[in-house]
Protein backbone atom coordinates (compact mmCIF):
# COMPACT_ATOMS: atom_id res chain seq x y z
CA UNK A 1 -230.32 103.78 9.25
CA UNK A 2 -228.72 102.05 6.32
CA UNK A 3 -230.58 100.79 3.32
CA UNK A 4 -229.23 97.37 4.02
CA UNK A 5 -230.56 97.38 7.50
CA UNK A 6 -233.79 99.14 6.72
CA UNK A 7 -234.66 96.74 3.90
CA UNK A 8 -233.97 93.85 6.21
CA UNK A 9 -236.30 95.31 8.68
CA UNK A 10 -233.56 95.33 11.27
CA UNK A 11 -233.63 97.50 14.35
CA UNK A 12 -230.85 95.46 15.90
CA UNK A 13 -227.13 95.28 14.96
CA UNK A 14 -226.67 93.11 11.84
CA UNK A 15 -224.09 90.38 12.07
CA UNK A 16 -223.50 88.49 8.82
CA UNK A 17 -222.45 84.80 8.81
CA UNK A 18 -221.14 83.04 5.67
CA UNK A 19 -223.55 80.43 4.33
CA UNK A 20 -221.21 78.13 2.34
CA UNK A 21 -221.38 75.13 4.62
CA UNK A 22 -225.05 75.75 5.55
CA UNK A 23 -225.96 75.20 1.89
CA UNK A 24 -224.31 71.74 1.72
CA UNK A 25 -226.84 69.00 1.34
CA UNK A 26 -225.58 66.61 4.06
CA UNK A 27 -224.30 69.42 6.28
CA UNK A 28 -220.95 69.56 8.21
CA UNK A 29 -219.71 70.24 11.68
CA UNK A 30 -219.06 73.76 10.39
CA UNK A 31 -222.73 74.02 9.45
CA UNK A 32 -223.67 72.98 12.96
CA UNK A 33 -221.22 75.65 14.30
CA UNK A 34 -222.83 78.34 12.05
CA UNK A 35 -226.34 77.51 13.24
CA UNK A 36 -225.23 77.69 16.80
CA UNK A 37 -223.55 81.07 16.13
CA UNK A 38 -226.68 82.44 14.57
CA UNK A 39 -228.87 81.35 17.59
CA UNK A 40 -226.33 82.85 20.06
CA UNK A 41 -226.25 86.16 18.21
CA UNK A 42 -230.06 86.39 18.29
CA UNK A 43 -229.92 85.74 22.00
CA UNK A 44 -227.47 88.49 22.40
CA UNK A 45 -229.68 91.02 20.77
CA UNK A 46 -228.25 91.03 17.27
CA UNK A 47 -229.90 90.10 14.02
CA UNK A 48 -228.29 87.49 11.70
CA UNK A 49 -227.82 87.54 7.99
CA UNK A 50 -226.53 84.70 5.83
CA UNK A 51 -224.10 85.44 2.99
CA UNK A 52 -224.64 83.17 0.06
CA UNK A 53 -222.80 82.88 -3.19
CA UNK A 54 -225.04 81.58 -6.01
CA UNK A 55 -222.84 80.55 -8.89
CA UNK A 56 -222.92 82.09 -12.40
CA UNK A 57 -225.48 79.77 -13.87
CA UNK A 58 -224.74 76.02 -13.32
CA UNK A 59 -224.06 74.51 -16.78
CA UNK A 60 -226.31 71.66 -17.99
CA UNK A 61 -223.39 70.52 -20.14
CA UNK A 62 -221.43 67.71 -18.65
CA UNK A 63 -217.68 67.21 -18.39
CA UNK A 64 -215.04 69.45 -19.87
CA UNK A 65 -217.47 71.62 -21.79
CA UNK A 66 -219.50 72.51 -18.75
CA UNK A 67 -216.35 73.20 -16.78
CA UNK A 68 -215.11 75.48 -19.46
CA UNK A 69 -218.40 77.42 -19.63
CA UNK A 70 -218.25 77.88 -15.82
CA UNK A 71 -214.63 79.10 -16.01
CA UNK A 72 -215.52 81.61 -18.75
CA UNK A 73 -218.34 83.03 -16.56
CA UNK A 74 -216.05 83.26 -13.61
CA UNK A 75 -213.34 85.12 -15.59
CA UNK A 76 -216.05 87.59 -16.89
CA UNK A 77 -217.04 88.23 -13.31
CA UNK A 78 -213.41 88.75 -12.27
CA UNK A 79 -213.14 91.49 -14.88
CA UNK A 80 -215.98 93.36 -13.28
CA UNK A 81 -214.35 92.79 -9.83
CA UNK A 82 -211.04 94.37 -11.02
CA UNK A 83 -212.92 97.40 -12.31
CA UNK A 84 -214.99 97.95 -9.10
CA UNK A 85 -212.37 96.85 -6.59
CA UNK A 86 -214.49 94.10 -5.23
CA UNK A 87 -217.68 92.11 -5.62
CA UNK A 88 -221.07 93.50 -4.73
CA UNK A 89 -222.88 92.15 -1.71
CA UNK A 90 -226.65 92.62 -2.04
CA UNK A 91 -229.66 91.88 0.14
CA UNK A 92 -232.08 89.30 -1.25
CA UNK A 93 -235.78 89.77 -1.41
CA UNK A 94 -237.70 88.73 1.73
CA UNK A 95 -239.12 85.62 0.16
CA UNK A 96 -235.71 84.19 -0.63
CA UNK A 97 -235.36 80.79 1.21
CA UNK A 98 -232.99 80.51 4.11
CA UNK A 99 -230.89 77.46 5.07
CA UNK A 100 -232.70 75.10 7.46
CA UNK A 101 -232.11 75.11 11.18
CA UNK A 102 -231.61 78.80 11.65
CA UNK A 103 -233.55 81.02 14.02
CA UNK A 104 -236.50 82.83 12.38
CA UNK A 105 -236.16 86.52 11.23
CA UNK A 106 -232.80 86.34 9.50
CA UNK A 107 -231.98 88.14 6.20
CA UNK A 108 -230.40 86.61 3.12
CA UNK A 109 -227.60 88.28 1.15
CA UNK A 110 -225.78 87.27 -2.07
CA UNK A 111 -222.46 88.04 -3.50
CA UNK A 112 -222.53 86.19 -6.81
CA UNK A 113 -220.29 83.07 -6.88
CA UNK A 114 -218.15 84.70 -4.13
CA UNK A 115 -216.84 81.41 -2.69
CA UNK A 116 -215.81 80.08 -6.13
CA UNK A 117 -214.31 83.28 -7.27
CA UNK A 118 -212.38 83.63 -4.02
CA UNK A 119 -210.83 80.16 -4.49
CA UNK A 120 -210.09 80.93 -8.15
CA UNK A 121 -208.31 84.12 -7.26
CA UNK A 122 -206.29 82.39 -4.58
CA UNK A 123 -205.14 79.74 -6.94
CA UNK A 124 -204.13 82.33 -9.30
CA UNK A 125 -201.90 83.82 -6.63
CA UNK A 126 -204.13 86.66 -5.56
CA UNK A 127 -205.21 87.85 -2.18
CA UNK A 128 -208.48 88.30 -0.44
CA UNK A 129 -211.58 88.98 -2.63
CA UNK A 130 -213.27 92.08 -1.20
CA UNK A 131 -217.06 92.13 -0.72
CA UNK A 132 -218.58 95.51 -1.25
CA UNK A 133 -221.93 95.92 0.79
CA UNK A 134 -224.60 98.21 -0.47
CA UNK A 135 -225.12 101.12 1.89
CA UNK A 136 -223.64 101.09 5.37
CA UNK A 137 -221.80 97.90 6.22
CA UNK A 138 -223.16 95.52 8.86
CA UNK A 139 -221.87 95.53 12.41
CA UNK A 140 -219.69 92.41 12.12
CA UNK A 141 -218.83 89.73 9.49
CA UNK A 142 -218.25 86.20 10.85
CA UNK A 143 -216.50 83.75 8.56
CA UNK A 144 -217.12 80.26 9.95
CA UNK A 145 -214.25 78.58 8.03
CA UNK A 146 -211.04 79.67 6.30
CA UNK A 147 -211.96 81.51 3.09
CA UNK A 148 -210.27 84.11 0.97
CA UNK A 149 -213.10 86.56 1.42
CA UNK A 150 -213.11 89.91 3.29
CA UNK A 151 -216.06 92.29 3.89
CA UNK A 152 -215.17 95.96 3.39
CA UNK A 153 -216.04 98.45 5.97
CA UNK A 154 -216.83 96.03 8.93
CA UNK A 155 -214.78 94.05 11.47
CA UNK A 156 -214.06 90.57 10.03
CA UNK A 157 -213.81 87.66 12.51
CA UNK A 158 -212.48 84.45 11.05
CA UNK A 159 -213.12 81.00 12.62
CA UNK A 160 -210.16 78.64 12.32
CA UNK A 161 -211.35 75.44 13.96
CA UNK A 162 -208.16 73.44 13.56
CA UNK A 163 -204.94 73.21 11.77
CA UNK A 164 -205.25 69.57 10.71
CA UNK A 165 -204.18 70.22 7.00
CA UNK A 166 -200.89 71.64 8.33
CA UNK A 167 -200.21 69.30 11.16
CA UNK A 168 -201.42 65.94 9.62
CA UNK A 169 -201.32 66.49 5.84
CA UNK A 170 -201.30 62.83 5.20
CA UNK A 171 -204.88 62.57 6.38
CA UNK A 172 -206.46 65.09 4.04
CA UNK A 173 -206.91 65.67 0.26
CA UNK A 174 -206.01 69.24 -0.09
CA UNK A 175 -203.41 71.57 -1.65
CA UNK A 176 -201.45 72.12 1.53
CA UNK A 177 -199.23 75.04 0.28
CA UNK A 178 -202.35 76.75 -0.89
CA UNK A 179 -204.12 76.35 2.42
CA UNK A 180 -201.02 77.55 4.33
CA UNK A 181 -200.97 80.73 2.19
CA UNK A 182 -204.74 81.24 2.85
CA UNK A 183 -204.17 80.89 6.59
CA UNK A 184 -201.34 83.39 6.33
CA UNK A 185 -203.66 85.88 4.57
CA UNK A 186 -206.22 85.40 7.32
CA UNK A 187 -203.62 85.92 10.04
CA UNK A 188 -202.68 89.14 8.44
CA UNK A 189 -206.11 90.59 7.75
CA UNK A 190 -208.41 89.19 10.47
CA UNK A 191 -209.62 91.67 13.09
CA UNK A 192 -209.79 88.57 15.36
CA UNK A 193 -209.44 84.78 15.03
CA UNK A 194 -211.90 82.47 16.74
CA UNK A 195 -211.36 78.79 17.43
CA UNK A 196 -213.14 76.05 19.42
CA UNK A 197 -210.57 74.52 21.87
CA UNK A 198 -207.47 75.57 23.87
CA UNK A 199 -205.54 72.94 21.86
CA UNK A 200 -206.42 74.63 18.54
CA UNK A 201 -205.73 78.05 20.04
CA UNK A 202 -202.19 77.12 20.91
CA UNK A 203 -201.67 75.50 17.52
CA UNK A 204 -202.88 78.70 15.77
CA UNK A 205 -200.53 80.96 17.95
CA UNK A 206 -197.58 78.67 17.35
CA UNK A 207 -198.09 77.74 13.64
CA UNK A 208 -199.40 81.00 12.29
CA UNK A 209 -197.47 83.40 14.42
CA UNK A 210 -200.55 85.18 15.64
CA UNK A 211 -200.37 87.20 18.86
CA UNK A 212 -202.08 85.65 21.86
CA UNK A 213 -204.56 88.42 22.25
CA UNK A 214 -205.78 88.01 18.59
CA UNK A 215 -207.07 84.41 19.06
CA UNK A 216 -210.01 83.44 21.26
CA UNK A 217 -211.41 80.09 22.14
CA UNK A 218 -215.27 80.18 22.46
CA UNK A 219 -215.69 76.35 22.43
CA UNK A 220 -218.89 74.94 20.66
CA UNK A 221 -222.46 74.83 21.48
CA UNK A 222 -223.50 71.25 22.25
CA UNK A 223 -226.99 70.79 23.63
CA UNK A 224 -228.45 67.34 23.72
CA UNK A 225 -230.72 66.52 20.74
CA UNK A 226 -234.21 67.18 22.19
CA UNK A 227 -235.92 64.74 19.93
CA UNK A 228 -233.43 61.91 20.86
CA UNK A 229 -233.81 62.64 24.47
CA UNK A 230 -237.64 62.55 24.24
CA UNK A 231 -237.62 59.34 22.17
CA UNK A 232 -239.57 56.59 23.99
CA UNK A 233 -237.91 53.22 24.54
CA UNK A 234 -240.28 51.51 22.20
CA UNK A 235 -239.40 53.97 19.36
CA UNK A 236 -235.64 53.31 20.00
CA UNK A 237 -236.21 49.58 20.09
CA UNK A 238 -238.10 49.79 16.69
CA UNK A 239 -235.34 51.82 15.04
CA UNK A 240 -232.63 49.47 16.42
CA UNK A 241 -234.68 46.55 15.20
CA UNK A 242 -234.34 47.78 11.64
CA UNK A 243 -230.68 46.77 11.86
CA UNK A 244 -231.12 43.72 14.01
CA UNK A 245 -229.78 45.44 17.13
CA UNK A 246 -230.98 45.52 20.68
CA UNK A 247 -230.34 48.18 23.38
CA UNK A 248 -226.79 47.94 24.98
CA UNK A 249 -225.88 45.14 22.63
CA UNK A 250 -223.41 46.84 20.47
CA UNK A 251 -220.54 49.43 20.37
CA UNK A 252 -221.03 52.37 17.99
CA UNK A 253 -218.61 54.47 15.80
CA UNK A 254 -220.34 57.38 14.03
CA UNK A 255 -218.19 59.73 11.89
CA UNK A 256 -216.98 60.02 8.34
CA UNK A 257 -214.71 57.14 7.37
CA UNK A 258 -211.32 58.78 6.69
CA UNK A 259 -207.84 58.30 8.16
CA UNK A 260 -207.92 60.96 10.94
CA UNK A 261 -210.85 59.24 12.56
CA UNK A 262 -208.75 56.10 13.22
CA UNK A 263 -211.42 53.52 12.36
CA UNK A 264 -208.75 51.11 11.03
CA UNK A 265 -207.24 50.73 14.50
CA UNK A 266 -210.57 50.51 16.20
CA UNK A 267 -211.68 47.68 13.98
CA UNK A 268 -208.41 45.85 14.62
CA UNK A 269 -208.71 46.45 18.34
CA UNK A 270 -212.41 45.24 18.38
CA UNK A 271 -211.51 42.09 16.38
CA UNK A 272 -208.68 41.44 18.85
CA UNK A 273 -210.65 42.19 22.01
CA UNK A 274 -212.76 39.09 22.10
CA UNK A 275 -215.82 41.14 22.81
CA UNK A 276 -218.96 39.51 21.41
CA UNK A 277 -221.06 42.67 21.00
CA UNK A 278 -220.63 43.90 17.45
CA UNK A 279 -218.98 47.28 16.45
CA UNK A 280 -221.62 49.15 14.36
CA UNK A 281 -220.10 51.77 12.01
CA UNK A 282 -222.33 54.70 10.93
CA UNK A 283 -220.94 57.23 8.41
CA UNK A 284 -220.18 57.85 4.81
CA UNK A 285 -217.02 56.79 3.05
CA UNK A 286 -214.91 59.92 2.72
CA UNK A 287 -211.37 60.52 1.49
CA UNK A 288 -208.89 57.67 1.69
CA UNK A 289 -211.46 55.33 3.25
CA UNK A 290 -210.13 52.09 1.65
CA UNK A 291 -207.22 51.59 4.07
CA UNK A 292 -209.53 52.29 7.10
CA UNK A 293 -211.44 49.14 6.03
CA UNK A 294 -208.54 46.85 5.30
CA UNK A 295 -209.40 44.51 8.12
CA UNK A 296 -212.69 43.69 6.46
CA UNK A 297 -210.96 42.70 3.19
CA UNK A 298 -213.44 44.71 1.09
CA UNK A 299 -216.62 43.50 2.76
CA UNK A 300 -219.27 45.54 4.38
CA UNK A 301 -219.16 43.33 7.32
CA UNK A 302 -216.53 41.19 9.02
CA UNK A 303 -216.90 37.41 8.39
CA UNK A 304 -218.14 36.70 11.84
CA UNK A 305 -220.51 39.73 11.80
CA UNK A 306 -218.65 41.48 14.67
CA UNK A 307 -218.12 44.59 12.52
CA UNK A 308 -220.97 45.99 10.49
CA UNK A 309 -221.05 49.12 8.21
CA UNK A 310 -224.49 50.83 7.98
CA UNK A 311 -223.35 53.84 5.85
CA UNK A 312 -225.03 57.23 6.32
CA UNK A 313 -228.27 57.24 8.35
CA UNK A 314 -231.05 59.75 8.88
CA UNK A 315 -230.48 61.88 12.05
CA UNK A 316 -233.34 60.35 14.08
CA UNK A 317 -232.12 56.85 13.28
CA UNK A 318 -228.48 57.77 14.19
CA UNK A 319 -229.52 59.32 17.54
CA UNK A 320 -231.48 56.16 18.41
CA UNK A 321 -228.39 54.15 17.78
CA UNK A 322 -226.27 56.54 19.94
CA UNK A 323 -228.84 56.25 22.86
CA UNK A 324 -228.97 52.40 22.59
CA UNK A 325 -225.19 51.81 22.36
CA UNK A 326 -223.17 50.00 25.03
CA UNK A 327 -220.60 52.66 24.29
CA UNK A 328 -219.73 55.19 21.64
CA UNK A 329 -216.14 54.96 20.27
CA UNK A 330 -214.31 58.03 18.96
CA UNK A 331 -210.57 57.25 18.95
CA UNK A 332 -209.62 60.14 16.64
CA UNK A 333 -205.91 60.91 15.90
CA UNK A 334 -206.56 64.71 15.89
CA UNK A 335 -209.59 66.89 16.46
CA UNK A 336 -210.28 70.62 16.85
CA UNK A 337 -213.18 69.83 19.23
CA UNK A 338 -214.58 66.30 18.84
CA UNK A 339 -218.31 66.90 18.43
CA UNK A 340 -219.53 63.30 18.16
CA UNK A 341 -218.07 62.44 21.57
CA UNK A 342 -219.81 65.37 23.18
CA UNK A 343 -223.12 64.44 21.34
CA UNK A 344 -222.93 60.95 22.81
CA UNK A 345 -222.04 62.23 26.17
CA UNK A 346 -224.94 64.61 26.34
CA UNK A 347 -227.36 61.71 25.75
CA UNK A 348 -225.90 59.71 28.56
CA UNK A 349 -224.02 57.25 26.42
CA UNK A 350 -220.53 56.08 27.77
CA UNK A 351 -217.64 57.22 25.48
CA UNK A 352 -214.39 55.79 24.57
CA UNK A 353 -212.06 58.40 23.00
CA UNK A 354 -208.37 59.24 22.58
CA UNK A 355 -205.55 60.99 24.40
CA UNK A 356 -204.78 62.93 21.20
CA UNK A 357 -205.04 66.59 20.62
CA UNK A 358 -207.98 68.37 22.37
CA UNK A 359 -209.97 65.31 23.38
CA UNK A 360 -208.80 65.02 27.12
CA UNK A 361 -209.52 68.76 27.75
CA UNK A 362 -213.06 68.40 26.00
CA UNK A 363 -214.22 65.18 27.78
CA UNK A 364 -212.31 65.70 31.03
CA UNK A 365 -212.91 62.67 33.38
CA UNK A 366 -216.41 61.88 31.83
CA UNK A 367 -215.04 59.59 29.22
CA UNK A 368 -212.39 56.85 28.90
CA UNK A 369 -209.27 58.09 27.01
CA UNK A 370 -206.66 55.72 25.35
CA UNK A 371 -203.66 56.04 23.15
CA UNK A 372 -205.13 56.13 19.63
CA UNK A 373 -202.00 54.55 18.17
CA UNK A 374 -202.12 51.49 20.42
CA UNK A 375 -204.48 48.70 19.22
CA UNK A 376 -203.76 46.83 22.33
CA UNK A 377 -204.77 49.78 24.66
CA UNK A 378 -208.00 50.16 22.69
CA UNK A 379 -208.77 46.38 22.86
CA UNK A 380 -208.22 46.46 26.67
CA UNK A 381 -210.53 49.52 26.97
CA UNK A 382 -213.26 47.78 24.91
CA UNK A 383 -213.12 44.78 27.21
CA UNK A 384 -213.25 47.01 30.33
CA UNK A 385 -216.29 48.74 29.01
CA UNK A 386 -217.95 45.53 27.83
CA UNK A 387 -217.48 43.83 31.22
CA UNK A 388 -217.60 46.81 33.51
CA UNK A 389 -221.27 47.64 34.30
CA UNK A 390 -220.15 50.11 36.98
CA UNK A 391 -217.71 51.77 34.74
CA UNK A 392 -220.38 52.27 32.08
CA UNK A 393 -222.83 53.60 34.73
CA UNK A 394 -220.29 56.10 35.94
CA UNK A 395 -219.49 57.40 32.51
CA UNK A 396 -223.09 57.52 31.50
CA UNK A 397 -223.91 59.62 34.67
CA UNK A 398 -220.88 61.96 34.13
CA UNK A 399 -221.34 62.69 30.44
CA UNK A 400 -224.38 65.02 30.55
CA UNK A 401 -222.83 67.11 33.30
CA UNK A 402 -219.62 67.59 31.31
CA UNK A 403 -221.61 68.24 28.15
CA UNK A 404 -223.53 71.06 30.03
CA UNK A 405 -220.29 73.03 30.10
CA UNK A 406 -220.73 73.34 26.30
CA UNK A 407 -224.43 74.20 26.45
CA UNK A 408 -225.89 76.83 23.96
CA UNK A 409 -226.35 79.21 26.94
CA UNK A 410 -222.64 78.88 27.91
CA UNK A 411 -221.59 79.39 24.19
CA UNK A 412 -223.70 82.44 23.94
CA UNK A 413 -222.13 83.86 27.05
CA UNK A 414 -218.60 83.14 25.85
CA UNK A 415 -219.37 84.65 22.40
CA UNK A 416 -220.86 87.84 24.09
CA UNK A 417 -217.75 88.18 26.21
CA UNK A 418 -215.62 88.09 23.07
CA UNK A 419 -217.65 90.58 21.19
CA UNK A 420 -217.75 92.80 24.29
CA UNK A 421 -213.92 92.69 24.58
CA UNK A 422 -213.71 93.78 20.94
CA UNK A 423 -216.11 96.57 21.43
CA UNK A 424 -218.64 94.82 19.25
CA UNK A 425 -221.34 93.53 21.65
CA UNK A 426 -224.86 94.07 20.34
CA UNK A 427 -225.91 95.81 23.57
CA UNK A 428 -223.27 98.52 22.82
CA UNK A 429 -225.01 99.67 19.64
């Protein structure tokens, strides 16, 4: 048995998962994806390890001086990388803290500042940064987002959840040519590419020129939030009361405020619809958010109180708002999967979403889909949901059944089938 596996106390195949998004303070959809992957791998009989990349000493000096010191440290590390042919990947001590929300029993690994160094090398015109595991390599390396890292000696599976930066560059703040080059490196070096909808799979095959048999859609794992399901009505009422809301008395949008989420048109549609129930917006202001709130003329609420911004809320409070909403609105212009829509459907909340990208294939006939570019179509849909008790009841009943297709158990089975097809299923070791 390898030293890497022995020190981790692993008698099962070790599958590593990158921990970049798991370490972010507010989390991301990719962090949710990584946690679901770790749980699925454990259920399949593998052990999971998380690859972190502690930086080379965060400088206490602000501004340009601190940035210059960080750059000097990284350049020094790059000198060692050139000499060794890669960056060492070492197992941490057992008492090293793991990211929250993961199954117990995982191991922690560190390749010093690997994410920052990989990005620096990419910007300098380089290729993939090779990680060099101590001892025998793990069974598989899972990268949950596009990164210029590659683990030597093991199959590398790269998750590319969408191609939004290439297909809708006006909605992101990103170096598009650099991202395109990164995706080209992944297309060339990946042992397999994993994605989360048939729409994204077709995009990847078409835009990156990847053979069909090298890209697999596993979907996501979306189970209803157990705490939200178990929340009693009086607790929901109390949490809604903090914001002056009552059950079924409002429409809800919950996502980051940025152009792709299409909040601008939703606000315009709501104000034009004549619907009295307010539109409640939950989410942080992200990139290019100003235009999305133009209809509010710089205010946090519309003058008549029919649109209200609550900002970022704790998870329990958000889930109470989802359960209490007349309907959840998610009219996105483009998604790789559309997690908020499925989260609401799993809780039995009616959903209004868009006909764009993967949304129709994900929600099927269990949600109301409209043209996201048509303010008039959205306004008509809001009126139909507001006035149609039978429509809301039908969607509320259909949502959990459709969401069950994306359950954690179903995701585990799909991931197991992929690994088996690649000869990497934990049961084969």
